[in-house]
Amino acid sequence: MTCDKTKIIYLSGPIMDEHAGHAREWRETAKKLLDSQFKTLDPMRRQFTDRRVDSANEIVEFDLQDVRAADIVLVNYNKPSIGTSMEIFYASHDLGKFVVAFSPFEFQECSPWMVRYCTKILASLEEACNYINTHFCEAEKD
């Protein structure tokens, strides 16, 4: 398979009120599964402290810049998250981006808003990355 290495994937998911180790762990795994084929944008690369007035606007604007720069948004939908939901809506509704999510929730447990604005929801990170690798790369021609 060959991929357009210029394609960018934004790694969206809960950060605020999420255990820092968990917020980083899945993103590191995603990078391992995708970085050989795509460029990833990880919002955890920035060092901000949540709940500080002086960084709130910066956090949002940097995340929105990343969403605008991305071709695809990969979402960890492991729990309700206002920031993640806003990123998904902005990416899908406003920008027409392809949004691939992974979630432990059964379809009936998912928010209708998440179902509507995620292009695809899969059961695991590995399935989501495989989906991206399969649908955004081309098979080698003999």
Protein backbone atom coordinates (compact mmCIF):
# COMPACT_ATOMS: atom_id res chain seq x y z
CA MET A 1 0.00 0.00 0.00
CA THR A 2 1.10 3.51 -0.73
CA CYS A 3 -0.32 6.56 0.93
CA ASP A 4 -0.18 10.22 0.23
CA LYS A 5 2.20 11.14 3.04
CA THR A 6 0.94 14.70 2.89
CA LYS A 7 -2.43 13.62 4.36
CA ILE A 8 -2.79 14.84 7.93
CA ILE A 9 -4.80 13.19 10.70
CA TYR A 10 -5.85 15.13 13.79
CA LEU A 11 -6.10 13.04 16.98
CA SER A 12 -9.26 14.23 18.75
CA GLY A 13 -10.45 12.99 22.11
CA PRO A 14 -10.93 13.90 25.75
CA ILE A 15 -8.06 15.70 27.47
CA MET A 16 -9.69 17.84 30.14
CA ASP A 17 -10.73 15.72 33.12
CA GLU A 18 -9.08 12.71 31.47
CA HIS A 19 -6.22 10.90 33.16
CA ALA A 20 -3.17 12.35 31.37
CA GLY A 21 -1.71 8.90 30.84
CA HIS A 22 -4.85 7.71 29.04
CA ALA A 23 -5.10 10.86 26.93
CA ARG A 24 -1.51 10.31 25.76
CA GLU A 25 -1.51 6.51 25.54
CA TRP A 26 -4.08 6.06 22.79
CA ARG A 27 -2.54 8.90 20.78
CA GLU A 28 0.91 7.29 20.98
CA THR A 29 -0.58 4.00 19.76
CA ALA A 30 -2.39 5.81 16.92
CA LYS A 31 0.87 7.45 15.87
CA LYS A 32 2.57 4.05 15.72
CA LEU A 33 -0.29 2.68 13.60
CA LEU A 34 -0.50 5.70 11.27
CA ASP A 35 2.73 7.70 11.22
CA SER A 36 4.47 5.56 8.63
CA GLN A 37 1.66 6.43 6.22
CA PHE A 38 0.35 9.81 7.38
CA LYS A 39 1.32 12.87 9.38
CA THR A 40 -0.53 13.16 12.70
CA LEU A 41 -1.38 16.24 14.73
CA ASP A 42 -1.49 15.55 18.46
CA PRO A 43 -2.94 18.32 20.66
CA MET A 44 -0.99 16.85 23.61
CA ARG A 45 2.20 18.23 22.06
CA ARG A 46 1.33 21.58 23.60
CA GLN A 47 1.96 22.31 27.26
CA PHE A 48 -1.13 24.08 28.57
CA THR A 49 -2.76 23.88 31.96
CA ASP A 50 -6.51 23.38 31.85
CA ARG A 51 -8.82 25.77 33.65
CA ARG A 52 -6.57 28.82 33.38
CA VAL A 53 -8.17 31.89 31.87
CA ASP A 54 -4.99 32.91 30.09
CA SER A 55 -4.71 29.62 28.18
CA ALA A 56 -8.37 28.75 27.47
CA ASN A 57 -8.62 30.74 24.24
CA GLU A 58 -5.22 29.51 23.11
CA ILE A 59 -6.16 25.88 23.70
CA VAL A 60 -9.32 26.20 21.61
CA GLU A 61 -7.72 28.19 18.79
CA PHE A 62 -4.73 25.86 18.47
CA ASP A 63 -7.08 22.85 18.38
CA LEU A 64 -9.26 24.51 15.73
CA GLN A 65 -6.16 25.29 13.66
CA ASP A 66 -5.22 21.61 13.84
CA VAL A 67 -8.73 20.58 12.73
CA ARG A 68 -8.51 23.00 9.79
CA ALA A 69 -5.09 21.66 8.82
CA ALA A 70 -6.21 18.00 8.95
CA ASP A 71 -7.60 15.95 6.11
CA ILE A 72 -9.07 13.33 8.47
CA VAL A 73 -10.06 13.50 12.14
CA LEU A 74 -9.53 10.37 14.27
CA VAL A 75 -11.70 10.49 17.40
CA ASN A 76 -11.53 8.65 20.69
CA TYR A 77 -15.21 8.59 21.69
CA ASN A 78 -14.69 6.85 25.03
CA LYS A 79 -16.86 9.29 27.01
CA PRO A 80 -18.83 12.48 26.45
CA SER A 81 -16.51 15.45 25.94
CA ILE A 82 -17.59 18.97 25.06
CA GLY A 83 -14.29 19.84 23.37
CA THR A 84 -14.21 16.63 21.35
CA SER A 85 -17.84 17.12 20.30
CA MET A 86 -17.13 20.68 19.20
CA GLU A 87 -14.13 19.53 17.15
CA ILE A 88 -16.21 16.82 15.46
CA PHE A 89 -19.05 19.18 14.61
CA TYR A 90 -16.64 21.81 13.27
CA ALA A 91 -14.70 19.27 11.21
CA SER A 92 -17.71 17.47 9.76
CA HIS A 93 -20.44 20.10 9.51
CA ASP A 94 -18.46 23.26 8.87
CA LEU A 95 -15.43 21.91 7.00
CA GLY A 96 -16.77 18.70 5.41
CA LYS A 97 -13.90 16.58 6.78
CA PHE A 98 -13.94 12.80 7.08
CA VAL A 99 -14.31 11.86 10.78
CA VAL A 100 -13.44 8.33 11.95
CA ALA A 101 -14.20 7.47 15.58
CA PHE A 102 -13.62 4.48 17.79
CA SER A 103 -15.80 3.82 20.79
CA PRO A 104 -16.62 1.17 23.38
CA PHE A 105 -20.31 2.17 23.12
CA GLU A 106 -22.88 0.12 21.24
CA PHE A 107 -24.75 2.09 18.58
CA GLN A 108 -27.80 2.45 20.84
CA GLU A 109 -25.64 4.07 23.55
CA CYS A 110 -24.05 6.64 21.22
CA SER A 111 -25.27 10.21 21.14
CA PRO A 112 -27.27 10.87 17.96
CA TRP A 113 -25.01 13.89 17.44
CA MET A 114 -21.92 11.70 17.43
CA VAL A 115 -23.57 9.23 15.06
CA ARG A 116 -24.61 12.06 12.74
CA TYR A 117 -21.28 13.92 12.63
CA CYS A 118 -18.83 11.02 12.71
CA THR A 119 -18.49 9.55 9.25
CA LYS A 120 -17.66 6.12 10.70
CA ILE A 121 -17.64 4.73 14.26
CA LEU A 122 -15.70 1.53 14.92
CA ALA A 123 -15.18 -0.56 18.04
CA SER A 124 -11.43 -0.07 18.58
CA LEU A 125 -8.48 2.16 17.79
CA GLU A 126 -6.89 -0.63 15.78
CA GLU A 127 -10.03 -1.01 13.64
CA ALA A 128 -10.22 2.75 13.10
CA CYS A 129 -6.56 2.95 12.04
CA ASN A 130 -6.98 -0.07 9.77
CA TYR A 131 -10.02 1.60 8.20
CA ILE A 132 -8.01 4.76 7.54
CA ASN A 133 -5.06 2.81 6.15
CA THR A 134 -7.39 0.77 3.93
CA HIS A 135 -9.51 3.63 2.57
CA PHE A 136 -6.95 6.41 2.31
CA CYS A 137 -4.06 4.43 0.82
CA GLU A 138 -3.84 2.78 -2.56
CA ALA A 139 -2.90 -0.81 -3.27
CA GLU A 140 0.48 -1.21 -4.98
CA LYS A 141 0.13 -1.76 -8.71
CA ASP A 142 2.10 -4.64 -10.24
